Amino acid sequence: MTSFQPNRAASPDVVVSVRRIDCETMERFPLSDEQNSVAIAAANAAFTAAGVTPNLVTTADWMLEGWDIAGFPEPGPGQWFDIAMVGGDAQQAVEQALAARWPEFRTKWIELRLDALEEGA
């Protein structure tokens, strides 16, 4: 069994990005500048409303993954689970914001990503 070390949980700063996914080919496409602005604002509003940052959400995801890999040791994930769920809330906020402005987005798949900043960025 892998030893899980919670002191290594700090994730790097993250960048929030949103892409449209073609349901048939699974290709990802960027949004227009206006659509991207609406989507990012909706995601950030969800993070702010929950009192967390995208960085904290990615850290929570990392903690849950490590807890899972370690074989579910005690203590359980506790508040990390609640923090990680904010990522789903942000995803829903993005989908709703895009569909409200652009009805065609009601039938589109949307991908909200929280990615580490590249070194030197």
PDB file of N, CA and C in Angstrom:
ATOM      1  N   MET A   1       0.835  -1.173   0.000  1.00  0.00           N
ATOM      2  CA  MET A   1       0.000   0.000   0.000  1.00  0.00           C
ATOM      3  C   MET A   1       0.888   1.247   0.000  1.00  0.00           C
ATOM      4  N   THR A   2       0.521   2.237  -0.779  1.00  0.00           N
ATOM      5  CA  THR A   2       1.273   3.476  -0.874  1.00  0.00           C
ATOM      6  C   THR A   2       1.056   4.315   0.374  1.00  0.00           C
ATOM      7  N   SER A   3       2.111   4.932   0.858  1.00  0.00           N
ATOM      8  CA  SER A   3       1.998   5.812   2.014  1.00  0.00           C
ATOM      9  C   SER A   3       1.512   7.170   1.541  1.00  0.00           C
ATOM     10  N   PHE A   4       0.438   7.635   2.143  1.00  0.00           N
ATOM     11  CA  PHE A   4      -0.134   8.919   1.766  1.00  0.00           C
ATOM     12  C   PHE A   4       0.386   9.981   2.721  1.00  0.00           C
ATOM     13  N   GLN A   5       0.920  11.070   2.168  1.00  0.00           N
ATOM     14  CA  GLN A   5       1.489  12.122   2.987  1.00  0.00           C
ATOM     15  C   GLN A   5       0.743  13.431   2.749  1.00  0.00           C
ATOM     16  N   PRO A   6      -0.200  13.772   3.633  1.00  0.00           N
ATOM     17  CA  PRO A   6      -0.996  14.974   3.424  1.00  0.00           C
ATOM     18  C   PRO A   6      -0.196  16.264   3.398  1.00  0.00           C
ATOM     19  N   ASN A   7       1.015  16.288   3.961  1.00  0.00           N
ATOM     20  CA  ASN A   7       1.784  17.525   3.939  1.00  0.00           C
ATOM     21  C   ASN A   7       2.261  17.891   2.539  1.00  0.00           C
ATOM     22  N   ARG A   8       2.078  16.999   1.571  1.00  0.00           N
ATOM     23  CA  ARG A   8       2.468  17.286   0.191  1.00  0.00           C
ATOM     24  C   ARG A   8       1.275  17.762  -0.628  1.00  0.00           C
ATOM     25  N   ALA A   9       0.195  18.186   0.023  1.00  0.00           N
ATOM     26  CA  ALA A   9      -1.051  18.493  -0.661  1.00  0.00           C
ATOM     27  C   ALA A   9      -1.060  19.821  -1.404  1.00  0.00           C
ATOM     28  N   ALA A  10      -0.133  20.697  -1.133  1.00  0.00           N
ATOM     29  CA  ALA A  10      -0.188  22.014  -1.753  1.00  0.00           C
ATOM     30  C   ALA A  10      -0.068  21.902  -3.262  1.00  0.00           C
ATOM     31  N   SER A  11      -1.079  22.346  -3.954  1.00  0.00           N
ATOM     32  CA  SER A  11      -1.039  22.322  -5.410  1.00  0.00           C
ATOM     33  C   SER A  11      -0.554  23.684  -5.912  1.00  0.00           C
ATOM     34  N   PRO A  12      -0.022  23.719  -7.109  1.00  0.00           N
ATOM     35  CA  PRO A  12       0.426  25.003  -7.657  1.00  0.00           C
ATOM     36  C   PRO A  12      -0.778  25.873  -8.005  1.00  0.00           C
ATOM     37  N   ASP A  13      -0.507  27.127  -8.282  1.00  0.00           N
ATOM     38  CA  ASP A  13      -1.587  27.992  -8.745  1.00  0.00           C
ATOM     39  C   ASP A  13      -2.201  27.377  -9.992  1.00  0.00           C
ATOM     40  N   VAL A  14      -3.486  27.601 -10.154  1.00  0.00           N
ATOM     41  CA  VAL A  14      -4.179  27.008 -11.293  1.00  0.00           C
ATOM     42  C   VAL A  14      -4.810  28.083 -12.151  1.00  0.00           C
ATOM     43  N   VAL A  15      -5.051  27.712 -13.393  1.00  0.00           N
ATOM     44  CA  VAL A  15      -5.757  28.575 -14.321  1.00  0.00           C
ATOM     45  C   VAL A  15      -7.070  27.881 -14.672  1.00  0.00           C
ATOM     46  N   VAL A  16      -8.138  28.652 -14.695  1.00  0.00           N
ATOM     47  CA  VAL A  16      -9.462  28.129 -15.013  1.00  0.00           C
ATOM     48  C   VAL A  16      -9.673  28.273 -16.514  1.00  0.00           C
ATOM     49  N   SER A  17     -10.056  27.188 -17.175  1.00  0.00           N
ATOM     50  CA  SER A  17     -10.329  27.254 -18.612  1.00  0.00           C
ATOM     51  C   SER A  17     -11.592  26.466 -18.923  1.00  0.00           C
ATOM     52  N   VAL A  18     -12.236  26.842 -20.008  1.00  0.00           N
ATOM     53  CA  VAL A  18     -13.487  26.199 -20.413  1.00  0.00           C
ATOM     54  C   VAL A  18     -13.405  25.907 -21.911  1.00  0.00           C
ATOM     55  N   ARG A  19     -13.867  24.718 -22.286  1.00  0.00           N
ATOM     56  CA  ARG A  19     -13.893  24.326 -23.697  1.00  0.00           C
ATOM     57  C   ARG A  19     -15.218  23.651 -24.001  1.00  0.00           C
ATOM     58  N   ARG A  20     -15.610  23.718 -25.253  1.00  0.00           N
ATOM     59  CA  ARG A  20     -16.788  22.996 -25.736  1.00  0.00           C
ATOM     60  C   ARG A  20     -16.307  21.666 -26.265  1.00  0.00           C
ATOM     61  N   ILE A  21     -17.067  20.602 -25.998  1.00  0.00           N
ATOM     62  CA  ILE A  21     -16.700  19.275 -26.475  1.00  0.00           C
ATOM     63  C   ILE A  21     -17.710  18.821 -27.520  1.00  0.00           C
ATOM     64  N   ASP A  22     -17.218  18.393 -28.689  1.00  0.00           N
ATOM     65  CA  ASP A  22     -18.078  17.821 -29.715  1.00  0.00           C
ATOM     66  C   ASP A  22     -18.505  16.437 -29.227  1.00  0.00           C
ATOM     67  N   CYS A  23     -19.809  16.230 -29.095  1.00  0.00           N
ATOM     68  CA  CYS A  23     -20.350  14.985 -28.532  1.00  0.00           C
ATOM     69  C   CYS A  23     -20.029  13.759 -29.381  1.00  0.00           C
ATOM     70  N   GLU A  24     -19.832  13.936 -30.661  1.00  0.00           N
ATOM     71  CA  GLU A  24     -19.580  12.788 -31.533  1.00  0.00           C
ATOM     72  C   GLU A  24     -18.103  12.443 -31.643  1.00  0.00           C
ATOM     73  N   THR A  25     -17.255  13.450 -31.789  1.00  0.00           N
ATOM     74  CA  THR A  25     -15.827  13.197 -32.001  1.00  0.00           C
ATOM     75  C   THR A  25     -15.003  13.316 -30.717  1.00  0.00           C
ATOM     76  N   MET A  26     -15.590  13.908 -29.681  1.00  0.00           N
ATOM     77  CA  MET A  26     -14.920  14.173 -28.408  1.00  0.00           C
ATOM     78  C   MET A  26     -13.778  15.186 -28.547  1.00  0.00           C
ATOM     79  N   GLU A  27     -13.766  15.930 -29.649  1.00  0.00           N
ATOM     80  CA  GLU A  27     -12.780  16.991 -29.820  1.00  0.00           C
ATOM     81  C   GLU A  27     -13.169  18.167 -28.939  1.00  0.00           C
ATOM     82  N   ARG A  28     -12.145  18.865 -28.443  1.00  0.00           N
ATOM     83  CA  ARG A  28     -12.373  20.044 -27.622  1.00  0.00           C
ATOM     84  C   ARG A  28     -12.109  21.294 -28.450  1.00  0.00           C
ATOM     85  N   PHE A  29     -13.006  22.279 -28.299  1.00  0.00           N
ATOM     86  CA  PHE A  29     -12.898  23.518 -29.054  1.00  0.00           C
ATOM     87  C   PHE A  29     -12.962  24.700 -28.101  1.00  0.00           C
ATOM     88  N   PRO A  30     -12.163  25.730 -28.358  1.00  0.00           N
ATOM     89  CA  PRO A  30     -12.226  26.913 -27.497  1.00  0.00           C
ATOM     90  C   PRO A  30     -13.542  27.654 -27.703  1.00  0.00           C
ATOM     91  N   LEU A  31     -13.928  28.398 -26.700  1.00  0.00           N
ATOM     92  CA  LEU A  31     -15.104  29.252 -26.805  1.00  0.00           C
ATOM     93  C   LEU A  31     -14.684  30.579 -27.425  1.00  0.00           C
ATOM     94  N   SER A  32     -15.670  31.347 -27.882  1.00  0.00           N
ATOM     95  CA  SER A  32     -15.354  32.696 -28.342  1.00  0.00           C
ATOM     96  C   SER A  32     -14.907  33.508 -27.126  1.00  0.00           C
ATOM     97  N   ASP A  33     -14.295  34.651 -27.364  1.00  0.00           N
ATOM     98  CA  ASP A  33     -13.831  35.485 -26.256  1.00  0.00           C
ATOM     99  C   ASP A  33     -14.986  35.867 -25.334  1.00  0.00           C
ATOM    100  N   GLU A  34     -16.122  36.226 -25.917  1.00  0.00           N
ATOM    101  CA  GLU A  34     -17.290  36.611 -25.116  1.00  0.00           C
ATOM    102  C   GLU A  34     -17.823  35.422 -24.316  1.00  0.00           C
ATOM    103  N   GLN A  35     -17.928  34.269 -24.950  1.00  0.00           N
ATOM    104  CA  GLN A  35     -18.396  33.075 -24.252  1.00  0.00           C
ATOM    105  C   GLN A  35     -17.432  32.693 -23.132  1.00  0.00           C
ATOM    106  N   ASN A  36     -16.145  32.786 -23.402  1.00  0.00           N
ATOM    107  CA  ASN A  36     -15.139  32.462 -22.404  1.00  0.00           C
ATOM    108  C   ASN A  36     -15.240  33.398 -21.202  1.00  0.00           C
ATOM    109  N   SER A  37     -15.452  34.676 -21.455  1.00  0.00           N
ATOM    110  CA  SER A  37     -15.586  35.648 -20.361  1.00  0.00           C
ATOM    111  C   SER A  37     -16.781  35.317 -19.475  1.00  0.00           C
ATOM    112  N   VAL A  38     -17.911  34.982 -20.097  1.00  0.00           N
ATOM    113  CA  VAL A  38     -19.120  34.612 -19.351  1.00  0.00           C
ATOM    114  C   VAL A  38     -18.869  33.343 -18.538  1.00  0.00           C
ATOM    115  N   ALA A  39     -18.239  32.361 -19.155  1.00  0.00           N
ATOM    116  CA  ALA A  39     -17.984  31.074 -18.494  1.00  0.00           C
ATOM    117  C   ALA A  39     -17.035  31.235 -17.307  1.00  0.00           C
ATOM    118  N   ILE A  40     -15.944  31.955 -17.499  1.00  0.00           N
ATOM    119  CA  ILE A  40     -14.964  32.138 -16.426  1.00  0.00           C
ATOM    120  C   ILE A  40     -15.576  32.945 -15.279  1.00  0.00           C
ATOM    121  N   ALA A  41     -16.375  33.954 -15.610  1.00  0.00           N
ATOM    122  CA  ALA A  41     -17.038  34.742 -14.565  1.00  0.00           C
ATOM    123  C   ALA A  41     -17.990  33.866 -13.753  1.00  0.00           C
ATOM    124  N   ALA A  42     -18.717  32.984 -14.413  1.00  0.00           N
ATOM    125  CA  ALA A  42     -19.644  32.091 -13.713  1.00  0.00           C
ATOM    126  C   ALA A  42     -18.894  31.127 -12.803  1.00  0.00           C
ATOM    127  N   ALA A  43     -17.797  30.572 -13.300  1.00  0.00           N
ATOM    128  CA  ALA A  43     -16.998  29.655 -12.481  1.00  0.00           C
ATOM    129  C   ALA A  43     -16.425  30.376 -11.268  1.00  0.00           C
ATOM    130  N   ASN A  44     -15.864  31.557 -11.491  1.00  0.00           N
ATOM    131  CA  ASN A  44     -15.278  32.312 -10.391  1.00  0.00           C
ATOM    132  C   ASN A  44     -16.337  32.731  -9.373  1.00  0.00           C
ATOM    133  N   ALA A  45     -17.546  33.036  -9.839  1.00  0.00           N
ATOM    134  CA  ALA A  45     -18.636  33.377  -8.919  1.00  0.00           C
ATOM    135  C   ALA A  45     -18.986  32.186  -8.031  1.00  0.00           C
ATOM    136  N   ALA A  46     -18.974  30.990  -8.599  1.00  0.00           N
ATOM    137  CA  ALA A  46     -19.253  29.781  -7.812  1.00  0.00           C
ATOM    138  C   ALA A  46     -18.165  29.554  -6.764  1.00  0.00           C
ATOM    139  N   PHE A  47     -16.904  29.754  -7.153  1.00  0.00           N
ATOM    140  CA  PHE A  47     -15.813  29.602  -6.191  1.00  0.00           C
ATOM    141  C   PHE A  47     -15.931  30.639  -5.069  1.00  0.00           C
ATOM    142  N   THR A  48     -16.206  31.879  -5.448  1.00  0.00           N
ATOM    143  CA  THR A  48     -16.330  32.959  -4.469  1.00  0.00           C
ATOM    144  C   THR A  48     -17.497  32.713  -3.519  1.00  0.00           C
ATOM    145  N   ALA A  49     -18.633  32.293  -4.068  1.00  0.00           N
ATOM    146  CA  ALA A  49     -19.811  32.029  -3.236  1.00  0.00           C
ATOM    147  C   ALA A  49     -19.533  30.936  -2.206  1.00  0.00           C
ATOM    148  N   ALA A  50     -18.705  29.977  -2.565  1.00  0.00           N
ATOM    149  CA  ALA A  50     -18.365  28.883  -1.650  1.00  0.00           C
ATOM    150  C   ALA A  50     -17.211  29.260  -0.723  1.00  0.00           C
ATOM    151  N   GLY A  51     -16.579  30.389  -0.984  1.00  0.00           N
ATOM    152  CA  GLY A  51     -15.464  30.823  -0.150  1.00  0.00           C
ATOM    153  C   GLY A  51     -14.187  30.036  -0.370  1.00  0.00           C
ATOM    154  N   VAL A  52     -13.994  29.536  -1.595  1.00  0.00           N
ATOM    155  CA  VAL A  52     -12.790  28.780  -1.920  1.00  0.00           C
ATOM    156  C   VAL A  52     -12.167  29.353  -3.184  1.00  0.00           C
ATOM    157  N   THR A  53     -10.945  28.938  -3.441  1.00  0.00           N
ATOM    158  CA  THR A  53     -10.258  29.330  -4.668  1.00  0.00           C
ATOM    159  C   THR A  53     -10.135  28.098  -5.563  1.00  0.00           C
ATOM    160  N   PRO A  54      -9.911  28.297  -6.854  1.00  0.00           N
ATOM    161  CA  PRO A  54      -9.656  27.136  -7.717  1.00  0.00           C
ATOM    162  C   PRO A  54      -8.471  26.310  -7.212  1.00  0.00           C
ATOM    163  N   ASN A  55      -7.461  26.970  -6.648  1.00  0.00           N
ATOM    164  CA  ASN A  55      -6.305  26.266  -6.113  1.00  0.00           C
ATOM    165  C   ASN A  55      -6.714  25.335  -4.971  1.00  0.00           C
ATOM    166  N   LEU A  56      -7.601  25.796  -4.105  1.00  0.00           N
ATOM    167  CA  LEU A  56      -8.049  24.968  -2.985  1.00  0.00           C
ATOM    168  C   LEU A  56      -8.870  23.777  -3.484  1.00  0.00           C
ATOM    169  N   VAL A  57      -9.655  23.989  -4.539  1.00  0.00           N
ATOM    170  CA  VAL A  57     -10.433  22.885  -5.105  1.00  0.00           C
ATOM    171  C   VAL A  57      -9.502  21.818  -5.681  1.00  0.00           C
ATOM    172  N   THR A  58      -8.452  22.222  -6.368  1.00  0.00           N
ATOM    173  CA  THR A  58      -7.522  21.230  -6.908  1.00  0.00           C
ATOM    174  C   THR A  58      -6.759  20.524  -5.787  1.00  0.00           C
ATOM    175  N   THR A  59      -6.457  21.246  -4.718  1.00  0.00           N
ATOM    176  CA  THR A  59      -5.818  20.612  -3.566  1.00  0.00           C
ATOM    177  C   THR A  59      -6.758  19.574  -2.964  1.00  0.00           C
ATOM    178  N   ALA A  60      -8.038  19.905  -2.842  1.00  0.00           N
ATOM    179  CA  ALA A  60      -9.020  18.956  -2.304  1.00  0.00           C
ATOM    180  C   ALA A  60      -9.114  17.723  -3.198  1.00  0.00           C
ATOM    181  N   ASP A  61      -9.121  17.931  -4.518  1.00  0.00           N
ATOM    182  CA  ASP A  61      -9.135  16.786  -5.438  1.00  0.00           C
ATOM    183  C   ASP A  61      -7.913  15.899  -5.209  1.00  0.00           C
ATOM    184  N   TRP A  62      -6.756  16.530  -5.020  1.00  0.00           N
ATOM    185  CA  TRP A  62      -5.513  15.792  -4.781  1.00  0.00           C
ATOM    186  C   TRP A  62      -5.600  15.008  -3.480  1.00  0.00           C
ATOM    187  N   MET A  63      -6.145  15.634  -2.436  1.00  0.00           N
ATOM    188  CA  MET A  63      -6.285  14.964  -1.141  1.00  0.00           C
ATOM    189  C   MET A  63      -7.199  13.750  -1.259  1.00  0.00           C
ATOM    190  N   LEU A  64      -8.306  13.896  -1.982  1.00  0.00           N
ATOM    191  CA  LEU A  64      -9.230  12.770  -2.154  1.00  0.00           C
ATOM    192  C   LEU A  64      -8.574  11.650  -2.945  1.00  0.00           C
ATOM    193  N   GLU A  65      -7.825  12.001  -3.968  1.00  0.00           N
ATOM    194  CA  GLU A  65      -7.137  10.988  -4.767  1.00  0.00           C
ATOM    195  C   GLU A  65      -6.122  10.229  -3.913  1.00  0.00           C
ATOM    196  N   GLY A  66      -5.376  10.959  -3.113  1.00  0.00           N
ATOM    197  CA  GLY A  66      -4.396  10.321  -2.241  1.00  0.00           C
ATOM    198  C   GLY A  66      -5.058   9.446  -1.189  1.00  0.00           C
ATOM    199  N   TRP A  67      -6.181   9.898  -0.674  1.00  0.00           N
ATOM    200  CA  TRP A  67      -6.922   9.114   0.316  1.00  0.00           C
ATOM    201  C   TRP A  67      -7.402   7.809  -0.316  1.00  0.00           C
ATOM    202  N   ASP A  68      -7.863   7.893  -1.554  1.00  0.00           N
ATOM    203  CA  ASP A  68      -8.327   6.718  -2.291  1.00  0.00           C
ATOM    204  C   ASP A  68      -7.155   5.756  -2.561  1.00  0.00           C
ATOM    205  N   ILE A  69      -6.036   6.274  -3.030  1.00  0.00           N
ATOM    206  CA  ILE A  69      -4.863   5.456  -3.348  1.00  0.00           C
ATOM    207  C   ILE A  69      -4.338   4.753  -2.103  1.00  0.00           C
ATOM    208  N   ALA A  70      -4.389   5.430  -0.979  1.00  0.00           N
ATOM    209  CA  ALA A  70      -3.850   4.872   0.262  1.00  0.00           C
ATOM    210  C   ALA A  70      -4.761   3.806   0.867  1.00  0.00           C
ATOM    211  N   GLY A  71      -5.883   3.530   0.243  1.00  0.00           N
ATOM    212  CA  GLY A  71      -6.766   2.490   0.751  1.00  0.00           C
ATOM    213  C   GLY A  71      -7.742   2.977   1.789  1.00  0.00           C
ATOM    214  N   PHE A  72      -8.132   4.233   1.710  1.00  0.00           N
ATOM    215  CA  PHE A  72      -9.123   4.816   2.607  1.00  0.00           C
ATOM    216  C   PHE A  72      -8.720   4.736   4.076  1.00  0.00           C
ATOM    217  N   PRO A  73      -7.545   5.238   4.423  1.00  0.00           N
ATOM    218  CA  PRO A  73      -7.155   5.231   5.828  1.00  0.00           C
ATOM    219  C   PRO A  73      -7.964   6.249   6.621  1.00  0.00           C
ATOM    220  N   GLU A  74      -7.978   6.082   7.927  1.00  0.00           N
ATOM    221  CA  GLU A  74      -8.609   7.090   8.776  1.00  0.00           C
ATOM    222  C   GLU A  74      -7.590   8.192   9.012  1.00  0.00           C
ATOM    223  N   PRO A  75      -7.929   9.407   9.193  1.00  0.00           N
ATOM    224  CA  PRO A  75      -9.304   9.869   9.096  1.00  0.00           C
ATOM    225  C   PRO A  75      -9.746  10.010   7.648  1.00  0.00           C
ATOM    226  N   GLY A  76     -11.025  10.056   7.420  1.00  0.00           N
ATOM    227  CA  GLY A  76     -11.586  10.203   6.075  1.00  0.00           C
ATOM    228  C   GLY A  76     -11.321  11.591   5.526  1.00  0.00           C
ATOM    229  N   PRO A  77     -11.832  11.859   4.341  1.00  0.00           N
ATOM    230  CA  PRO A  77     -11.526  13.113   3.664  1.00  0.00           C
ATOM    231  C   PRO A  77     -12.160  14.345   4.292  1.00  0.00           C
ATOM    232  N   GLY A  78     -13.179  14.159   5.134  1.00  0.00           N
ATOM    233  CA  GLY A  78     -13.775  15.287   5.840  1.00  0.00           C
ATOM    234  C   GLY A  78     -14.116  16.450   4.935  1.00  0.00           C
ATOM    235  N   GLN A  79     -13.641  17.634   5.319  1.00  0.00           N
ATOM    236  CA  GLN A  79     -14.001  18.848   4.584  1.00  0.00           C
ATOM    237  C   GLN A  79     -13.422  18.873   3.174  1.00  0.00           C
ATOM    238  N   TRP A  80     -12.379  18.085   2.891  1.00  0.00           N
ATOM    239  CA  TRP A  80     -11.820  18.061   1.539  1.00  0.00           C
ATOM    240  C   TRP A  80     -12.879  17.642   0.525  1.00  0.00           C
ATOM    241  N   PHE A  81     -13.748  16.721   0.917  1.00  0.00           N
ATOM    242  CA  PHE A  81     -14.808  16.271   0.022  1.00  0.00           C
ATOM    243  C   PHE A  81     -15.741  17.436  -0.315  1.00  0.00           C
ATOM    244  N   ASP A  82     -16.135  18.193   0.703  1.00  0.00           N
ATOM    245  CA  ASP A  82     -17.030  19.334   0.472  1.00  0.00           C
ATOM    246  C   ASP A  82     -16.375  20.374  -0.433  1.00  0.00           C
ATOM    247  N   ILE A  83     -15.095  20.626  -0.217  1.00  0.00           N
ATOM    248  CA  ILE A  83     -14.382  21.600  -1.044  1.00  0.00           C
ATOM    249  C   ILE A  83     -14.293  21.104  -2.487  1.00  0.00           C
ATOM    250  N   ALA A  84     -13.989  19.828  -2.672  1.00  0.00           N
ATOM    251  CA  ALA A  84     -13.880  19.279  -4.027  1.00  0.00           C
ATOM    252  C   ALA A  84     -15.204  19.373  -4.778  1.00  0.00           C
ATOM    253  N   MET A  85     -16.307  19.269  -4.071  1.00  0.00           N
ATOM    254  CA  MET A  85     -17.619  19.325  -4.715  1.00  0.00           C
ATOM    255  C   MET A  85     -17.915  20.701  -5.307  1.00  0.00           C
ATOM    256  N   VAL A  86     -17.209  21.722  -4.870  1.00  0.00           N
ATOM    257  CA  VAL A  86     -17.389  23.066  -5.429  1.00  0.00           C
ATOM    258  C   VAL A  86     -17.005  23.072  -6.907  1.00  0.00           C
ATOM    259  N   GLY A  87     -16.088  22.204  -7.307  1.00  0.00           N
ATOM    260  CA  GLY A  87     -15.742  22.095  -8.727  1.00  0.00           C
ATOM    261  C   GLY A  87     -16.963  21.724  -9.559  1.00  0.00           C
ATOM    262  N   GLY A  88     -17.797  20.821  -9.055  1.00  0.00           N
ATOM    263  CA  GLY A  88     -19.041  20.450  -9.737  1.00  0.00           C
ATOM    264  C   GLY A  88     -20.031  21.601  -9.772  1.00  0.00           C
ATOM    265  N   ASP A  89     -20.087  22.357  -8.684  1.00  0.00           N
ATOM    266  CA  ASP A  89     -20.963  23.533  -8.651  1.00  0.00           C
ATOM    267  C   ASP A  89     -20.515  24.563  -9.695  1.00  0.00           C
ATOM    268  N   ALA A  90     -19.206  24.740  -9.814  1.00  0.00           N
ATOM    269  CA  ALA A  90     -18.672  25.679 -10.810  1.00  0.00           C
ATOM    270  C   ALA A  90     -18.990  25.195 -12.222  1.00  0.00           C
ATOM    271  N   GLN A  91     -18.875  23.893 -12.453  1.00  0.00           N
ATOM    272  CA  GLN A  91     -19.221  23.312 -13.758  1.00  0.00           C
ATOM    273  C   GLN A  91     -20.677  23.623 -14.104  1.00  0.00           C
ATOM    274  N   GLN A  92     -21.582  23.416 -13.159  1.00  0.00           N
ATOM    275  CA  GLN A  92     -23.002  23.688 -13.398  1.00  0.00           C
ATOM    276  C   GLN A  92     -23.242  25.174 -13.643  1.00  0.00           C
ATOM    277  N   ALA A  93     -22.551  26.026 -12.903  1.00  0.00           N
ATOM    278  CA  ALA A  93     -22.700  27.467 -13.092  1.00  0.00           C
ATOM    279  C   ALA A  93     -22.284  27.879 -14.498  1.00  0.00           C
ATOM    280  N   VAL A  94     -21.192  27.298 -14.976  1.00  0.00           N
ATOM    281  CA  VAL A  94     -20.712  27.591 -16.333  1.00  0.00           C
ATOM    282  C   VAL A  94     -21.744  27.142 -17.362  1.00  0.00           C
ATOM    283  N   GLU A  95     -22.232  25.914 -17.234  1.00  0.00           N
ATOM    284  CA  GLU A  95     -23.222  25.397 -18.182  1.00  0.00           C
ATOM    285  C   GLU A  95     -24.479  26.255 -18.207  1.00  0.00           C
ATOM    286  N   GLN A  96     -24.963  26.651 -17.020  1.00  0.00           N
ATOM    287  CA  GLN A  96     -26.170  27.472 -16.949  1.00  0.00           C
ATOM    288  C   GLN A  96     -25.948  28.864 -17.530  1.00  0.00           C
ATOM    289  N   ALA A  97     -24.796  29.458 -17.248  1.00  0.00           N
ATOM    290  CA  ALA A  97     -24.510  30.799 -17.771  1.00  0.00           C
ATOM    291  C   ALA A  97     -24.418  30.795 -19.289  1.00  0.00           C
ATOM    292  N   LEU A  98     -23.757  29.787 -19.844  1.00  0.00           N
ATOM    293  CA  LEU A  98     -23.651  29.717 -21.305  1.00  0.00           C
ATOM    294  C   LEU A  98     -25.006  29.450 -21.946  1.00  0.00           C
ATOM    295  N   ALA A  99     -25.783  28.552 -21.371  1.00  0.00           N
ATOM    296  CA  ALA A  99     -27.107  28.235 -21.932  1.00  0.00           C
ATOM    297  C   ALA A  99     -28.058  29.423 -21.831  1.00  0.00           C
ATOM    298  N   ALA A 100     -27.909  30.236 -20.811  1.00  0.00           N
ATOM    299  CA  ALA A 100     -28.776  31.411 -20.658  1.00  0.00           C
ATOM    300  C   ALA A 100     -28.533  32.435 -21.756  1.00  0.00           C
ATOM    301  N   ARG A 101     -27.276  32.606 -22.170  1.00  0.00           N
ATOM    302  CA  ARG A 101     -26.933  33.586 -23.209  1.00  0.00           C
ATOM    303  C   ARG A 101     -26.980  33.004 -24.611  1.00  0.00           C
ATOM    304  N   TRP A 102     -26.635  31.717 -24.728  1.00  0.00           N
ATOM    305  CA  TRP A 102     -26.573  31.048 -26.017  1.00  0.00           C
ATOM    306  C   TRP A 102     -27.354  29.736 -25.919  1.00  0.00           C
ATOM    307  N   PRO A 103     -28.625  29.733 -26.301  1.00  0.00           N
ATOM    308  CA  PRO A 103     -29.478  28.541 -26.145  1.00  0.00           C
ATOM    309  C   PRO A 103     -28.899  27.273 -26.774  1.00  0.00           C
ATOM    310  N   GLU A 104     -28.088  27.397 -27.808  1.00  0.00           N
ATOM    311  CA  GLU A 104     -27.507  26.206 -28.429  1.00  0.00           C
ATOM    312  C   GLU A 104     -26.585  25.453 -27.475  1.00  0.00           C
ATOM    313  N   PHE A 105     -26.132  26.098 -26.415  1.00  0.00           N
ATOM    314  CA  PHE A 105     -25.265  25.437 -25.442  1.00  0.00           C
ATOM    315  C   PHE A 105     -26.031  24.460 -24.548  1.00  0.00           C
ATOM    316  N   ARG A 106     -27.346  24.482 -24.611  1.00  0.00           N
ATOM    317  CA  ARG A 106     -28.126  23.522 -23.818  1.00  0.00           C
ATOM    318  C   ARG A 106     -27.856  22.096 -24.264  1.00  0.00           C
ATOM    319  N   THR A 107     -27.430  21.916 -25.506  1.00  0.00           N
ATOM    320  CA  THR A 107     -27.170  20.571 -26.023  1.00  0.00           C
ATOM    321  C   THR A 107     -25.678  20.314 -26.232  1.00  0.00           C
ATOM    322  N   LYS A 108     -24.845  21.152 -25.688  1.00  0.00           N
ATOM    323  CA  LYS A 108     -23.386  21.005 -25.840  1.00  0.00           C
ATOM    324  C   LYS A 108     -22.775  20.471 -24.555  1.00  0.00           C
ATOM    325  N   TRP A 109     -21.678  19.768 -24.707  1.00  0.00           N
ATOM    326  CA  TRP A 109     -20.902  19.352 -23.550  1.00  0.00           C
ATOM    327  C   TRP A 109     -19.860  20.420 -23.284  1.00  0.00           C
ATOM    328  N   ILE A 110     -19.721  20.770 -22.029  1.00  0.00           N
ATOM    329  CA  ILE A 110     -18.785  21.809 -21.620  1.00  0.00           C
ATOM    330  C   ILE A 110     -17.786  21.196 -20.642  1.00  0.00           C
ATOM    331  N   GLU A 111     -16.528  21.548 -20.810  1.00  0.00           N
ATOM    332  CA  GLU A 111     -15.478  21.047 -19.928  1.00  0.00           C
ATOM    333  C   GLU A 111     -14.862  22.222 -19.172  1.00  0.00           C
ATOM    334  N   LEU A 112     -14.987  22.186 -17.854  1.00  0.00           N
ATOM    335  CA  LEU A 112     -14.323  23.155 -16.996  1.00  0.00           C
ATOM    336  C   LEU A 112     -13.050  22.500 -16.506  1.00  0.00           C
ATOM    337  N   ARG A 113     -11.922  23.164 -16.722  1.00  0.00           N
ATOM    338  CA  ARG A 113     -10.629  22.590 -16.313  1.00  0.00           C
ATOM    339  C   ARG A 113      -9.931  23.525 -15.345  1.00  0.00           C
ATOM    340  N   LEU A 114      -9.277  22.931 -14.383  1.00  0.00           N
ATOM    341  CA  LEU A 114      -8.432  23.655 -13.449  1.00  0.00           C
ATOM    342  C   LEU A 114      -7.034  23.086 -13.636  1.00  0.00           C
ATOM    343  N   ASP A 115      -6.197  23.814 -14.345  1.00  0.00           N
ATOM    344  CA  ASP A 115      -4.869  23.314 -14.707  1.00  0.00           C
ATOM    345  C   ASP A 115      -3.785  24.118 -14.009  1.00  0.00           C
ATOM    346  N   ALA A 116      -2.709  23.439 -13.650  1.00  0.00           N
ATOM    347  CA  ALA A 116      -1.554  24.094 -13.051  1.00  0.00           C
ATOM    348  C   ALA A 116      -0.931  25.038 -14.053  1.00  0.00           C
ATOM    349  N   LEU A 117      -0.497  26.180 -13.556  1.00  0.00           N
ATOM    350  CA  LEU A 117       0.237  27.111 -14.409  1.00  0.00           C
ATOM    351  C   LEU A 117       1.554  26.468 -14.807  1.00  0.00           C
ATOM    352  N   GLU A 118       1.944  26.675 -16.038  1.00  0.00           N
ATOM    353  CA  GLU A 118       3.221  26.138 -16.490  1.00  0.00           C
ATOM    354  C   GLU A 118       4.348  26.953 -15.891  1.00  0.00           C
ATOM    355  N   GLU A 119       5.461  26.307 -15.609  1.00  0.00           N
ATOM    356  CA  GLU A 119       6.607  27.024 -15.063  1.00  0.00           C
ATOM    357  C   GLU A 119       7.030  28.117 -16.018  1.00  0.00           C
ATOM    358  N   GLY A 120       7.328  29.271 -15.436  1.00  0.00           N
ATOM    359  CA  GLY A 120       7.769  30.402 -16.244  1.00  0.00           C
ATOM    360  C   GLY A 120       6.602  31.195 -16.807  1.00  0.00           C
ATOM    361  N   ALA A 121       5.356  30.783 -16.502  1.00  0.00           N
ATOM    362  CA  ALA A 121       4.189  31.505 -17.029  1.00  0.00           C
ATOM    363  C   ALA A 121       3.872  32.681 -16.153  1.00  0.00           C
TER     364      ALA A 121
END
